């Protein structure tokens, strides 16, 4: 197993609710990094 040096490092992922942000968050979590997720939720009423 390759040591990526990410164990217990903190990363901030923006746009983590879908797409590249979600995939990036999962990749960091698999490497045992501490992942902080952020995304913008908008609710536009008609």
Protein backbone atom coordinates (compact mmCIF):
# COMPACT_ATOMS: atom_id res chain seq x y z
CA UNK A 1 0.00 0.00 0.00
CA UNK A 2 1.29 3.45 -0.92
CA UNK A 3 1.48 6.03 1.87
CA UNK A 4 -0.10 9.17 0.40
CA UNK A 5 0.60 11.20 3.54
CA UNK A 6 -3.06 12.17 3.85
CA UNK A 7 -3.89 10.31 7.06
CA UNK A 8 -5.35 12.78 9.58
CA UNK A 9 -4.84 15.74 7.21
CA UNK A 10 -7.83 18.07 6.91
CA UNK A 11 -9.27 18.87 3.49
CA UNK A 12 -12.11 21.20 2.53
CA UNK A 13 -14.20 20.08 -0.43
CA UNK A 14 -16.58 22.60 -1.97
CA UNK A 15 -19.40 21.51 -4.25
CA UNK A 16 -19.44 18.13 -2.54
CA UNK A 17 -23.10 17.38 -3.20
CA UNK A 18 -22.50 15.89 -6.66
CA UNK A 19 -20.07 15.36 -9.53
CA UNK A 20 -16.36 15.98 -9.17
CA UNK A 21 -16.72 17.39 -5.65
CA UNK A 22 -18.43 14.24 -4.39
CA UNK A 23 -15.89 11.97 -6.09
CA UNK A 24 -13.01 14.01 -4.66
CA UNK A 25 -14.48 13.83 -1.15
CA UNK A 26 -14.79 10.05 -1.39
CA UNK A 27 -11.22 9.71 -2.67
CA UNK A 28 -9.81 11.73 0.23
CA UNK A 29 -11.94 9.84 2.75
CA UNK A 30 -10.63 6.52 1.41
CA UNK A 31 -7.12 7.80 2.14
CA UNK A 32 -8.16 8.50 5.76
CA UNK A 33 -8.08 12.28 5.47
CA UNK A 34 -10.46 14.30 7.62
CA UNK A 35 -12.95 15.66 5.10
CA UNK A 36 -15.00 18.83 5.60
CA UNK A 37 -17.81 19.10 3.05
CA UNK A 38 -19.46 22.26 1.80
CA UNK A 39 -22.12 22.88 -0.80
CA UNK A 40 -24.74 25.48 -1.66
CA UNK A 41 -28.37 24.45 -1.46
CA UNK A 42 -30.81 26.82 -3.11
CA UNK A 43 -34.55 26.54 -3.00
CA UNK A 44 -36.05 28.83 -5.59
CA UNK A 45 -39.79 29.16 -5.28
CA UNK A 46 -41.86 29.81 -8.42
